[in-house]
């Protein structure tokens, strides 16, 4: 995340459940990684929810870094 956003991420466990993830893991036989790019101020699932394009595009640019760094861990 720091490569894309320019800041060190703060690991934080929060959020709701996403029931389909269990099925993905069962069928594919691998664990899932979920990364959130929204802010608390986005008020997701509320009547006035919003999601900034900045976080959307930065989230997209983060994914290749994740794959790169994950693959380096296996070496």
Protein backbone atom coordinates (compact mmCIF):
# COMPACT_ATOMS: atom_id res chain seq x y z
CA UNK A 1 0.00 0.00 0.00
CA UNK A 2 2.82 2.41 0.74
CA UNK A 3 4.12 2.08 -2.85
CA UNK A 4 0.78 3.21 -4.28
CA UNK A 5 -0.45 5.61 -1.60
CA UNK A 6 2.91 6.93 -0.40
CA UNK A 7 2.04 6.23 3.24
CA UNK A 8 2.61 3.30 5.57
CA UNK A 9 -0.61 1.33 6.06
CA UNK A 10 -2.06 0.73 9.49
CA UNK A 11 -3.28 -2.89 9.72
CA UNK A 12 -6.78 -2.88 11.11
CA UNK A 13 -9.30 -5.68 11.41
CA UNK A 14 -12.83 -4.45 10.94
CA UNK A 15 -15.82 -4.73 8.70
CA UNK A 16 -18.67 -7.09 8.14
CA UNK A 17 -18.83 -10.55 6.75
CA UNK A 18 -18.90 -11.34 3.07
CA UNK A 19 -20.61 -14.73 2.91
CA UNK A 20 -19.49 -15.60 -0.63
CA UNK A 21 -15.83 -15.63 0.49
CA UNK A 22 -16.33 -18.97 2.28
CA UNK A 23 -17.66 -20.49 -0.95
CA UNK A 24 -14.76 -19.07 -2.96
CA UNK A 25 -12.29 -20.62 -0.51
CA UNK A 26 -14.10 -23.96 -0.52
CA UNK A 27 -14.35 -24.22 -4.31
CA UNK A 28 -10.94 -22.79 -5.15
CA UNK A 29 -9.10 -24.37 -2.23
CA UNK A 30 -7.20 -21.18 -1.38
CA UNK A 31 -7.54 -18.46 1.22
CA UNK A 32 -8.89 -15.04 0.28
CA UNK A 33 -7.37 -11.64 0.91
CA UNK A 34 -9.76 -8.71 1.14
CA UNK A 35 -8.38 -5.19 0.98
CA UNK A 36 -10.55 -2.18 1.71
CA UNK A 37 -9.78 1.17 0.17
CA UNK A 38 -12.71 3.15 1.53
CA UNK A 39 -12.65 5.64 4.35
CA UNK A 40 -14.84 5.77 7.45
CA UNK A 41 -16.20 9.06 6.12
CA UNK A 42 -17.51 7.30 2.98
CA UNK A 43 -20.49 6.11 5.04
CA UNK A 44 -20.80 2.92 2.98
CA UNK A 45 -24.32 1.41 2.97
CA UNK A 46 -25.86 4.60 4.33
CA UNK A 47 -28.31 6.83 2.44
CA UNK A 48 -25.53 9.32 1.65
CA UNK A 49 -22.71 6.90 0.89
CA UNK A 50 -19.93 7.92 -1.46
CA UNK A 51 -16.56 6.59 -2.57
CA UNK A 52 -13.85 8.87 -3.89
CA UNK A 53 -12.26 8.24 -7.28
CA UNK A 54 -8.85 8.86 -5.72
CA UNK A 55 -9.22 5.77 -3.52
CA UNK A 56 -10.73 3.80 -6.40
CA UNK A 57 -7.77 4.41 -8.71
CA UNK A 58 -5.17 4.06 -5.95
CA UNK A 59 -6.80 0.75 -4.99
CA UNK A 60 -6.43 -0.48 -8.56
CA UNK A 61 -2.75 0.53 -8.62
CA UNK A 62 -2.15 -1.27 -5.30
CA UNK A 63 -3.15 -4.74 -6.56
CA UNK A 64 -0.08 -5.32 -8.80
CA UNK A 65 2.19 -4.34 -5.89
CA UNK A 66 0.43 -6.88 -3.69
CA UNK A 67 1.05 -9.65 -6.23
CA UNK A 68 4.67 -8.58 -6.70
CA UNK A 69 5.46 -8.48 -2.99
CA UNK A 70 3.56 -11.68 -2.27
CA UNK A 71 5.48 -13.54 -4.96
CA UNK A 72 8.76 -12.27 -3.46
CA UNK A 73 7.81 -13.77 -0.08
CA UNK A 74 7.75 -17.24 -1.63
CA UNK A 75 11.38 -16.98 -2.88
